N, C-alpha and C. Protein backbone atom coordinates (compact mmCIF):
# COMPACT_ATOMS: atom_id res chain seq x y z
N MET A 1 8.89 8.37 -9.03
CA MET A 1 7.78 7.66 -9.66
C MET A 1 6.78 8.67 -10.21
N SER A 2 6.25 8.34 -11.35
CA SER A 2 5.28 9.24 -11.97
C SER A 2 3.85 8.93 -11.55
N SER A 3 3.65 7.87 -10.79
CA SER A 3 2.33 7.48 -10.31
C SER A 3 2.47 6.95 -8.88
N PHE A 4 1.42 6.34 -8.36
CA PHE A 4 1.48 5.79 -7.00
C PHE A 4 2.14 4.43 -6.96
N CYS A 5 2.42 3.85 -8.14
CA CYS A 5 3.03 2.52 -8.15
C CYS A 5 4.03 2.36 -9.27
N ALA A 6 4.94 1.42 -9.07
CA ALA A 6 5.93 1.10 -10.09
C ALA A 6 6.46 -0.29 -9.82
N TRP A 7 6.85 -0.96 -10.87
CA TRP A 7 7.49 -2.27 -10.74
C TRP A 7 8.99 -2.09 -10.62
N ASP A 8 9.60 -2.85 -9.74
CA ASP A 8 11.05 -2.95 -9.62
C ASP A 8 11.35 -4.44 -9.69
N GLY A 9 11.49 -4.95 -10.90
CA GLY A 9 11.59 -6.39 -11.09
C GLY A 9 10.27 -7.03 -10.74
N GLU A 10 10.28 -8.00 -9.83
CA GLU A 10 9.04 -8.65 -9.41
C GLU A 10 8.42 -7.98 -8.18
N THR A 11 9.01 -6.87 -7.75
CA THR A 11 8.53 -6.16 -6.56
C THR A 11 7.70 -4.95 -6.97
N LEU A 12 6.52 -4.84 -6.37
CA LEU A 12 5.66 -3.69 -6.61
C LEU A 12 5.97 -2.63 -5.56
N VAL A 13 6.26 -1.42 -6.01
CA VAL A 13 6.54 -0.30 -5.10
C VAL A 13 5.29 0.58 -5.07
N LEU A 14 4.78 0.84 -3.85
CA LEU A 14 3.57 1.66 -3.69
C LEU A 14 3.86 2.87 -2.82
N ASN A 15 3.44 4.04 -3.28
CA ASN A 15 3.44 5.24 -2.44
C ASN A 15 2.03 5.34 -1.85
N VAL A 16 1.96 5.44 -0.53
CA VAL A 16 0.70 5.34 0.18
C VAL A 16 0.44 6.60 1.01
N LEU A 17 -0.82 7.02 1.01
CA LEU A 17 -1.30 8.03 1.94
C LEU A 17 -2.22 7.30 2.90
N GLY A 18 -1.75 7.08 4.11
CA GLY A 18 -2.51 6.31 5.09
C GLY A 18 -3.51 7.15 5.85
N THR A 19 -4.62 6.52 6.20
CA THR A 19 -5.63 7.14 7.04
C THR A 19 -5.89 6.21 8.22
N PRO A 20 -5.26 6.48 9.37
CA PRO A 20 -5.48 5.63 10.54
C PRO A 20 -6.79 5.99 11.24
N GLY A 21 -7.27 5.09 12.07
CA GLY A 21 -8.48 5.35 12.85
C GLY A 21 -9.74 5.43 12.02
N ALA A 22 -9.76 4.77 10.87
CA ALA A 22 -10.93 4.80 9.98
C ALA A 22 -11.99 3.82 10.49
N ASN A 23 -13.16 3.87 9.88
CA ASN A 23 -14.26 2.96 10.25
C ASN A 23 -14.01 1.54 9.79
N ARG A 24 -13.25 1.38 8.69
CA ARG A 24 -12.96 0.05 8.16
C ARG A 24 -11.64 0.08 7.41
N ASP A 25 -11.05 -1.10 7.25
CA ASP A 25 -9.84 -1.22 6.44
C ASP A 25 -10.26 -1.20 4.98
N ALA A 26 -9.60 -0.36 4.17
CA ALA A 26 -9.99 -0.26 2.77
C ALA A 26 -8.88 0.34 1.94
N ILE A 27 -8.81 -0.13 0.70
CA ILE A 27 -7.93 0.48 -0.29
C ILE A 27 -8.79 1.46 -1.05
N GLY A 28 -8.40 2.72 -1.04
CA GLY A 28 -9.18 3.77 -1.68
C GLY A 28 -8.70 4.07 -3.08
N LYS A 29 -8.91 5.31 -3.47
CA LYS A 29 -8.54 5.77 -4.81
C LYS A 29 -7.19 6.47 -4.77
N PRO A 30 -6.54 6.54 -5.92
CA PRO A 30 -5.30 7.32 -5.98
C PRO A 30 -5.58 8.79 -5.68
N GLN A 31 -4.65 9.39 -4.97
CA GLN A 31 -4.74 10.82 -4.69
C GLN A 31 -3.38 11.40 -5.06
N GLY A 32 -3.32 11.99 -6.25
CA GLY A 32 -2.04 12.46 -6.76
C GLY A 32 -1.14 11.27 -7.02
N LYS A 33 0.05 11.29 -6.46
CA LYS A 33 1.01 10.20 -6.65
C LYS A 33 1.04 9.25 -5.46
N GLN A 34 -0.11 9.15 -4.76
CA GLN A 34 -0.23 8.25 -3.63
C GLN A 34 -1.55 7.50 -3.73
N LEU A 35 -1.56 6.29 -3.16
CA LEU A 35 -2.78 5.50 -3.07
C LEU A 35 -3.29 5.61 -1.64
N ARG A 36 -4.55 6.01 -1.48
CA ARG A 36 -5.12 6.17 -0.15
C ARG A 36 -5.50 4.79 0.40
N ILE A 37 -5.02 4.51 1.61
CA ILE A 37 -5.35 3.26 2.30
C ILE A 37 -5.76 3.60 3.72
N SER A 38 -6.97 3.17 4.09
CA SER A 38 -7.52 3.44 5.42
C SER A 38 -7.43 2.18 6.27
N VAL A 39 -7.10 2.37 7.54
CA VAL A 39 -7.08 1.25 8.48
C VAL A 39 -7.77 1.66 9.78
N THR A 40 -8.27 0.68 10.49
CA THR A 40 -9.03 0.95 11.71
C THR A 40 -8.13 1.22 12.91
N GLU A 41 -6.90 0.79 12.86
CA GLU A 41 -5.98 0.94 14.00
C GLU A 41 -5.62 2.40 14.25
N ALA A 42 -5.47 2.76 15.51
CA ALA A 42 -5.08 4.13 15.90
C ALA A 42 -3.59 4.34 15.61
N PRO A 43 -3.20 5.58 15.31
CA PRO A 43 -1.80 5.88 14.98
C PRO A 43 -0.94 6.02 16.23
N VAL A 44 -0.68 4.92 16.90
CA VAL A 44 0.10 4.92 18.13
C VAL A 44 1.29 3.98 17.95
N ALA A 45 2.50 4.51 18.07
CA ALA A 45 3.74 3.72 18.06
C ALA A 45 3.86 2.79 16.85
N GLY A 46 3.38 3.24 15.69
CA GLY A 46 3.52 2.45 14.48
C GLY A 46 2.53 1.32 14.32
N ARG A 47 1.57 1.23 15.25
CA ARG A 47 0.60 0.13 15.17
C ARG A 47 -0.29 0.23 13.94
N ALA A 48 -0.63 1.43 13.51
CA ALA A 48 -1.47 1.59 12.32
C ALA A 48 -0.73 1.06 11.09
N THR A 49 0.56 1.34 10.99
CA THR A 49 1.35 0.84 9.87
C THR A 49 1.46 -0.68 9.92
N ASP A 50 1.68 -1.23 11.09
CA ASP A 50 1.75 -2.69 11.22
C ASP A 50 0.42 -3.33 10.81
N HIS A 51 -0.68 -2.70 11.22
CA HIS A 51 -2.01 -3.20 10.86
C HIS A 51 -2.20 -3.10 9.34
N MET A 52 -1.75 -2.00 8.74
CA MET A 52 -1.86 -1.81 7.29
C MET A 52 -1.09 -2.90 6.55
N VAL A 53 0.10 -3.22 7.02
CA VAL A 53 0.90 -4.26 6.38
C VAL A 53 0.17 -5.60 6.43
N GLY A 54 -0.44 -5.93 7.57
CA GLY A 54 -1.21 -7.16 7.68
C GLY A 54 -2.41 -7.18 6.74
N PHE A 55 -3.10 -6.06 6.68
CA PHE A 55 -4.26 -5.93 5.78
C PHE A 55 -3.83 -6.09 4.32
N LEU A 56 -2.75 -5.40 3.94
CA LEU A 56 -2.29 -5.47 2.55
C LEU A 56 -1.73 -6.84 2.19
N ALA A 57 -1.16 -7.53 3.15
CA ALA A 57 -0.67 -8.89 2.89
C ALA A 57 -1.82 -9.77 2.40
N LYS A 58 -2.98 -9.65 3.02
CA LYS A 58 -4.15 -10.41 2.60
C LYS A 58 -4.63 -9.95 1.22
N GLU A 59 -4.68 -8.64 1.02
CA GLU A 59 -5.18 -8.09 -0.25
C GLU A 59 -4.29 -8.45 -1.44
N PHE A 60 -2.98 -8.52 -1.22
CA PHE A 60 -2.04 -8.83 -2.30
C PHE A 60 -1.63 -10.30 -2.31
N ASP A 61 -2.20 -11.10 -1.41
CA ASP A 61 -1.93 -12.53 -1.32
C ASP A 61 -0.43 -12.82 -1.16
N VAL A 62 0.17 -12.17 -0.17
CA VAL A 62 1.57 -12.40 0.19
C VAL A 62 1.65 -12.54 1.71
N SER A 63 2.81 -12.94 2.20
CA SER A 63 3.00 -12.98 3.65
C SER A 63 3.41 -11.58 4.14
N VAL A 64 3.24 -11.34 5.41
CA VAL A 64 3.64 -10.07 6.00
C VAL A 64 5.12 -9.81 5.76
N ALA A 65 5.91 -10.87 5.76
CA ALA A 65 7.36 -10.74 5.55
C ALA A 65 7.70 -10.28 4.13
N ASP A 66 6.76 -10.41 3.19
CA ASP A 66 6.99 -9.97 1.80
C ASP A 66 6.75 -8.48 1.61
N ILE A 67 6.30 -7.79 2.64
CA ILE A 67 6.04 -6.35 2.55
C ILE A 67 7.06 -5.61 3.41
N THR A 68 7.74 -4.67 2.77
CA THR A 68 8.74 -3.86 3.46
C THR A 68 8.27 -2.41 3.49
N VAL A 69 8.33 -1.79 4.67
CA VAL A 69 8.03 -0.36 4.78
C VAL A 69 9.36 0.36 4.55
N VAL A 70 9.50 1.01 3.40
CA VAL A 70 10.73 1.71 3.05
C VAL A 70 10.88 2.95 3.92
N PHE A 71 9.81 3.74 3.98
CA PHE A 71 9.78 4.90 4.88
C PHE A 71 8.35 5.19 5.27
N GLY A 72 8.18 5.93 6.37
CA GLY A 72 6.86 6.37 6.81
C GLY A 72 6.19 5.50 7.85
N ARG A 73 6.96 4.69 8.57
CA ARG A 73 6.33 3.83 9.58
C ARG A 73 5.54 4.64 10.60
N PHE A 74 6.00 5.84 10.92
CA PHE A 74 5.32 6.69 11.91
C PHE A 74 4.70 7.93 11.26
N ASN A 75 4.35 7.83 9.95
CA ASN A 75 3.85 8.97 9.21
C ASN A 75 2.75 8.48 8.27
N VAL A 76 1.85 9.37 7.86
CA VAL A 76 0.80 8.96 6.92
C VAL A 76 1.35 8.77 5.51
N ASN A 77 2.46 9.40 5.18
CA ASN A 77 3.10 9.24 3.87
C ASN A 77 4.10 8.09 3.95
N LYS A 78 3.86 7.05 3.14
CA LYS A 78 4.66 5.83 3.23
C LYS A 78 5.06 5.35 1.84
N GLN A 79 6.13 4.57 1.81
CA GLN A 79 6.45 3.80 0.61
C GLN A 79 6.60 2.35 1.04
N LEU A 80 5.91 1.48 0.33
CA LEU A 80 5.94 0.06 0.62
C LEU A 80 6.46 -0.70 -0.60
N ARG A 81 7.15 -1.79 -0.33
CA ARG A 81 7.62 -2.70 -1.38
C ARG A 81 6.99 -4.06 -1.11
N ILE A 82 6.26 -4.56 -2.12
CA ILE A 82 5.55 -5.83 -2.00
C ILE A 82 6.18 -6.82 -2.97
N ARG A 83 6.83 -7.83 -2.41
CA ARG A 83 7.57 -8.79 -3.23
C ARG A 83 6.61 -9.82 -3.82
N ALA A 84 6.64 -9.94 -5.15
CA ALA A 84 5.89 -10.95 -5.91
C ALA A 84 4.43 -11.08 -5.48
N PRO A 85 3.64 -10.00 -5.65
CA PRO A 85 2.24 -10.10 -5.24
C PRO A 85 1.50 -11.20 -6.01
N GLY A 86 0.72 -11.99 -5.25
CA GLY A 86 -0.05 -13.07 -5.86
C GLY A 86 -1.35 -12.58 -6.47
N ARG A 87 -1.79 -11.41 -6.04
CA ARG A 87 -3.05 -10.83 -6.52
C ARG A 87 -2.89 -9.32 -6.48
N LEU A 88 -3.54 -8.65 -7.41
CA LEU A 88 -3.53 -7.18 -7.42
C LEU A 88 -4.94 -6.67 -7.17
N PRO A 89 -5.13 -5.82 -6.16
CA PRO A 89 -6.44 -5.20 -5.96
C PRO A 89 -6.85 -4.43 -7.22
N ALA A 90 -8.14 -4.26 -7.41
CA ALA A 90 -8.68 -3.67 -8.64
C ALA A 90 -8.05 -2.33 -8.99
N VAL A 91 -7.87 -1.43 -8.02
CA VAL A 91 -7.34 -0.11 -8.33
C VAL A 91 -5.90 -0.20 -8.85
N VAL A 92 -5.13 -1.13 -8.33
CA VAL A 92 -3.75 -1.31 -8.79
C VAL A 92 -3.74 -1.98 -10.16
N ALA A 93 -4.56 -3.01 -10.34
CA ALA A 93 -4.64 -3.69 -11.63
C ALA A 93 -5.08 -2.72 -12.72
N LYS A 94 -6.03 -1.86 -12.40
CA LYS A 94 -6.50 -0.86 -13.37
C LYS A 94 -5.39 0.12 -13.73
N ALA A 95 -4.63 0.55 -12.72
CA ALA A 95 -3.52 1.47 -12.98
C ALA A 95 -2.47 0.80 -13.86
N LEU A 96 -2.19 -0.48 -13.60
CA LEU A 96 -1.21 -1.20 -14.41
C LEU A 96 -1.70 -1.37 -15.84
N ALA A 97 -2.98 -1.69 -16.00
CA ALA A 97 -3.55 -1.89 -17.33
C ALA A 97 -3.55 -0.58 -18.11
N GLY A 98 -3.74 0.53 -17.41
CA GLY A 98 -3.76 1.83 -18.06
C GLY A 98 -2.38 2.44 -18.16
N ALA A 99 -1.35 1.66 -17.81
CA ALA A 99 0.04 2.10 -17.85
C ALA A 99 0.32 3.29 -16.94
N GLU A 100 -0.51 3.44 -15.88
CA GLU A 100 -0.23 4.49 -14.90
C GLU A 100 0.95 4.10 -14.02
N CYS A 101 1.17 2.80 -13.86
CA CYS A 101 2.32 2.30 -13.13
C CYS A 101 3.38 1.91 -14.14
N ALA A 102 4.52 2.51 -14.04
CA ALA A 102 5.58 2.22 -15.02
C ALA A 102 6.44 1.07 -14.54
């Protein structure tokens, strides 16, 4: 991928740089070819990734089952696949509008 996101049919593929143990859950700015996402959960036994999936499900208006962690469940570097997002957060919508996501 040439950016932090790409479409694969109706599925949005996101490369994520996670920040566990943050003060609040938040979608940050792109950092290179990754989108920074902070979550409050501690990085213990994949709980931060599980928390991130729940947070992103709300942000993208999908169910938790519509988000697949391709790799990085126990790492800050992750790839997620979000099937048929009902809503796009501003940073992703802006990237799509600017053709940063191919």
